[in-house]
PDB file of N, CA and C in Angstrom:
ATOM      1  N   MET A   1      18.802  12.979 -20.262  1.00  0.00           N
ATOM      2  CA  MET A   1      18.524  12.438 -21.544  1.00  0.00           C
ATOM      3  C   MET A   1      17.290  11.447 -21.455  1.00  0.00           C
ATOM      4  N   ASN A   2      16.210  11.929 -20.941  1.00  0.00           N
ATOM      5  CA  ASN A   2      14.997  11.129 -20.839  1.00  0.00           C
ATOM      6  C   ASN A   2      14.362  10.978 -22.215  1.00  0.00           C
ATOM      7  N   LYS A   3      14.097   9.747 -22.636  1.00  0.00           N
ATOM      8  CA  LYS A   3      13.529   9.454 -23.972  1.00  0.00           C
ATOM      9  C   LYS A   3      12.019   9.777 -23.990  1.00  0.00           C
ATOM     10  N   THR A   4      11.331   9.377 -22.860  1.00  0.00           N
ATOM     11  CA  THR A   4       9.940   9.609 -22.808  1.00  0.00           C
ATOM     12  C   THR A   4       9.558  10.242 -21.465  1.00  0.00           C
ATOM     13  N   LYS A   5       8.311  10.653 -21.371  1.00  0.00           N
ATOM     14  CA  LYS A   5       7.831  11.316 -20.153  1.00  0.00           C
ATOM     15  C   LYS A   5       7.000  10.290 -19.356  1.00  0.00           C
ATOM     16  N   ARG A   6       7.306   9.023 -19.473  1.00  0.00           N
ATOM     17  CA  ARG A   6       6.625   7.961 -18.732  1.00  0.00           C
ATOM     18  C   ARG A   6       6.819   8.170 -17.226  1.00  0.00           C
ATOM     19  N   VAL A   7       5.768   7.983 -16.431  1.00  0.00           N
ATOM     20  CA  VAL A   7       5.825   8.081 -14.995  1.00  0.00           C
ATOM     21  C   VAL A   7       5.630   6.713 -14.397  1.00  0.00           C
ATOM     22  N   TRP A   8       6.465   6.306 -13.479  1.00  0.00           N
ATOM     23  CA  TRP A   8       6.312   4.969 -12.819  1.00  0.00           C
ATOM     24  C   TRP A   8       5.591   5.191 -11.493  1.00  0.00           C
ATOM     25  N   LEU A   9       4.374   4.663 -11.406  1.00  0.00           N
ATOM     26  CA  LEU A   9       3.497   4.764 -10.266  1.00  0.00           C
ATOM     27  C   LEU A   9       3.639   3.533  -9.378  1.00  0.00           C
ATOM     28  N   PRO A  10       3.500   3.661  -8.064  1.00  0.00           N
ATOM     29  CA  PRO A  10       3.573   2.527  -7.178  1.00  0.00           C
ATOM     30  C   PRO A  10       2.248   1.688  -7.395  1.00  0.00           C
ATOM     31  N   ASN A  11       2.343   0.364  -7.081  1.00  0.00           N
ATOM     32  CA  ASN A  11       1.205  -0.516  -7.142  1.00  0.00           C
ATOM     33  C   ASN A  11       0.433  -0.434  -5.816  1.00  0.00           C
ATOM     34  N   LEU A  12      -0.585   0.435  -5.743  1.00  0.00           N
ATOM     35  CA  LEU A  12      -1.296   0.656  -4.513  1.00  0.00           C
ATOM     36  C   LEU A  12      -2.552  -0.189  -4.456  1.00  0.00           C
ATOM     37  N   GLN A  13      -2.931  -0.750  -3.257  1.00  0.00           N
ATOM     38  CA  GLN A  13      -4.061  -1.518  -3.087  1.00  0.00           C
ATOM     39  C   GLN A  13      -4.799  -1.049  -1.839  1.00  0.00           C
ATOM     40  N   LYS A  14      -6.165  -1.081  -1.867  1.00  0.00           N
ATOM     41  CA  LYS A  14      -6.929  -0.711  -0.691  1.00  0.00           C
ATOM     42  C   LYS A  14      -6.981  -1.912   0.221  1.00  0.00           C
ATOM     43  N   VAL A  15      -6.537  -1.691   1.444  1.00  0.00           N
ATOM     44  CA  VAL A  15      -6.466  -2.812   2.422  1.00  0.00           C
ATOM     45  C   VAL A  15      -6.950  -2.323   3.753  1.00  0.00           C
ATOM     46  N   ARG A  16      -7.676  -3.242   4.499  1.00  0.00           N
ATOM     47  CA  ARG A  16      -8.058  -2.957   5.868  1.00  0.00           C
ATOM     48  C   ARG A  16      -6.825  -3.143   6.765  1.00  0.00           C
ATOM     49  N   VAL A  17      -6.438  -2.087   7.458  1.00  0.00           N
ATOM     50  CA  VAL A  17      -5.156  -2.170   8.288  1.00  0.00           C
ATOM     51  C   VAL A  17      -5.513  -1.813   9.713  1.00  0.00           C
ATOM     52  N   ILE A  18      -4.798  -2.493  10.621  1.00  0.00           N
ATOM     53  CA  ILE A  18      -4.981  -2.169  12.048  1.00  0.00           C
ATOM     54  C   ILE A  18      -4.069  -0.977  12.330  1.00  0.00           C
ATOM     55  N   THR A  19      -4.649   0.116  12.892  1.00  0.00           N
ATOM     56  CA  THR A  19      -3.923   1.271  13.257  1.00  0.00           C
ATOM     57  C   THR A  19      -4.186   1.586  14.725  1.00  0.00           C
ATOM     58  N   SER A  20      -3.592   2.626  15.237  1.00  0.00           N
ATOM     59  CA  SER A  20      -3.837   3.039  16.635  1.00  0.00           C
ATOM     60  C   SER A  20      -5.276   3.420  16.893  1.00  0.00           C
ATOM     61  N   GLU A  21      -6.019   3.911  15.892  1.00  0.00           N
ATOM     62  CA  GLU A  21      -7.389   4.290  16.001  1.00  0.00           C
ATOM     63  C   GLU A  21      -8.309   3.109  15.907  1.00  0.00           C
ATOM     64  N   GLY A  22      -7.818   1.957  15.305  1.00  0.00           N
ATOM     65  CA  GLY A  22      -8.671   0.775  15.024  1.00  0.00           C
ATOM     66  C   GLY A  22      -8.408   0.374  13.627  1.00  0.00           C
ATOM     67  N   ALA A  23      -9.347  -0.382  13.036  1.00  0.00           N
ATOM     68  CA  ALA A  23      -9.237  -0.873  11.633  1.00  0.00           C
ATOM     69  C   ALA A  23      -9.634   0.219  10.693  1.00  0.00           C
ATOM     70  N   ARG A  24      -8.814   0.508   9.711  1.00  0.00           N
ATOM     71  CA  ARG A  24      -9.097   1.498   8.672  1.00  0.00           C
ATOM     72  C   ARG A  24      -8.742   0.977   7.299  1.00  0.00           C
ATOM     73  N   ARG A  25      -9.404   1.456   6.299  1.00  0.00           N
ATOM     74  CA  ARG A  25      -9.112   1.114   4.907  1.00  0.00           C
ATOM     75  C   ARG A  25      -8.063   2.169   4.383  1.00  0.00           C
ATOM     76  N   VAL A  26      -6.874   1.673   3.984  1.00  0.00           N
ATOM     77  CA  VAL A  26      -5.811   2.457   3.632  1.00  0.00           C
ATOM     78  C   VAL A  26      -5.218   2.003   2.285  1.00  0.00           C
ATOM     79  N   LYS A  27      -4.718   2.967   1.503  1.00  0.00           N
ATOM     80  CA  LYS A  27      -3.962   2.572   0.287  1.00  0.00           C
ATOM     81  C   LYS A  27      -2.585   2.265   0.646  1.00  0.00           C
ATOM     82  N   VAL A  28      -2.135   0.978   0.297  1.00  0.00           N
ATOM     83  CA  VAL A  28      -0.894   0.469   0.685  1.00  0.00           C
ATOM     84  C   VAL A  28      -0.134  -0.088  -0.535  1.00  0.00           C
ATOM     85  N   CYS A  29       1.165   0.086  -0.638  1.00  0.00           N
ATOM     86  CA  CYS A  29       1.883  -0.484  -1.794  1.00  0.00           C
ATOM     87  C   CYS A  29       2.030  -2.047  -1.568  1.00  0.00           C
ATOM     88  N   THR A  30       2.099  -2.771  -2.647  1.00  0.00           N
ATOM     89  CA  THR A  30       2.143  -4.219  -2.571  1.00  0.00           C
ATOM     90  C   THR A  30       3.429  -4.659  -1.897  1.00  0.00           C
ATOM     91  N   GLN A  31       4.518  -3.925  -2.104  1.00  0.00           N
ATOM     92  CA  GLN A  31       5.816  -4.300  -1.473  1.00  0.00           C
ATOM     93  C   GLN A  31       5.729  -4.167   0.032  1.00  0.00           C
ATOM     94  N   CYS A  32       4.947  -3.250   0.601  1.00  0.00           N
ATOM     95  CA  CYS A  32       4.734  -3.150   2.063  1.00  0.00           C
ATOM     96  C   CYS A  32       3.913  -4.269   2.579  1.00  0.00           C
ATOM     97  N   ILE A  33       2.941  -4.695   1.790  1.00  0.00           N
ATOM     98  CA  ILE A  33       2.100  -5.804   2.205  1.00  0.00           C
ATOM     99  C   ILE A  33       2.961  -7.138   2.189  1.00  0.00           C
ATOM    100  N   LYS A  34       3.751  -7.306   1.168  1.00  0.00           N
ATOM    101  CA  LYS A  34       4.601  -8.563   1.118  1.00  0.00           C
ATOM    102  C   LYS A  34       5.650  -8.578   2.159  1.00  0.00           C
ATOM    103  N   SER A  35       6.233  -7.454   2.509  1.00  0.00           N
ATOM    104  CA  SER A  35       7.363  -7.469   3.503  1.00  0.00           C
ATOM    105  C   SER A  35       6.839  -7.495   4.928  1.00  0.00           C
ATOM    106  N   GLY A  36       5.499  -7.264   5.154  1.00  0.00           N
ATOM    107  CA  GLY A  36       5.016  -7.383   6.504  1.00  0.00           C
ATOM    108  C   GLY A  36       5.123  -6.061   7.236  1.00  0.00           C
ATOM    109  N   LYS A  37       5.272  -4.943   6.592  1.00  0.00           N
ATOM    110  CA  LYS A  37       5.391  -3.642   7.221  1.00  0.00           C
ATOM    111  C   LYS A  37       4.027  -3.190   7.854  1.00  0.00           C
ATOM    112  N   ILE A  38       2.950  -3.698   7.277  1.00  0.00           N
ATOM    113  CA  ILE A  38       1.611  -3.415   7.840  1.00  0.00           C
ATOM    114  C   ILE A  38       1.001  -4.629   8.341  1.00  0.00           C
ATOM    115  N   ILE A  39       0.084  -4.450   9.237  1.00  0.00           N
ATOM    116  CA  ILE A  39      -0.723  -5.607   9.834  1.00  0.00           C
ATOM    117  C   ILE A  39      -2.117  -5.584   9.231  1.00  0.00           C
ATOM    118  N   LYS A  40      -2.482  -6.623   8.439  1.00  0.00           N
ATOM    119  CA  LYS A  40      -3.773  -6.608   7.847  1.00  0.00           C
ATOM    120  C   LYS A  40      -4.817  -7.029   8.913  1.00  0.00           C
ATOM    121  N   HIS A  41      -6.016  -6.480   8.696  1.00  0.00           N
ATOM    122  CA  HIS A  41      -7.160  -6.767   9.593  1.00  0.00           C
ATOM    123  C   HIS A  41      -8.002  -7.807   9.035  1.00  0.00           C
ATOM    124  N   ALA A  42      -8.318  -8.881   9.715  1.00  0.00           N
ATOM    125  CA  ALA A  42      -9.176  -9.924   9.198  1.00  0.00           C
ATOM    126  C   ALA A  42     -10.655  -9.509   9.331  1.00  0.00           C
ATOM    127  N   VAL A  43     -11.432  -9.752   8.293  1.00  0.00           N
ATOM    128  CA  VAL A  43     -12.805  -9.328   8.293  1.00  0.00           C
ATOM    129  C   VAL A  43     -13.650 -10.205   9.147  1.00  0.00           C
TER     130      VAL A  43
END
């Protein structure tokens, strides 16, 4: 019984992240940034 066809999208931000290959620019959700699931790279 959906009233509208509204789609809920995640809040994605482009962030420089430390990965196994080195620092990369990745789209990450804000909840992952807040919870500390990713390690941000300092410029």
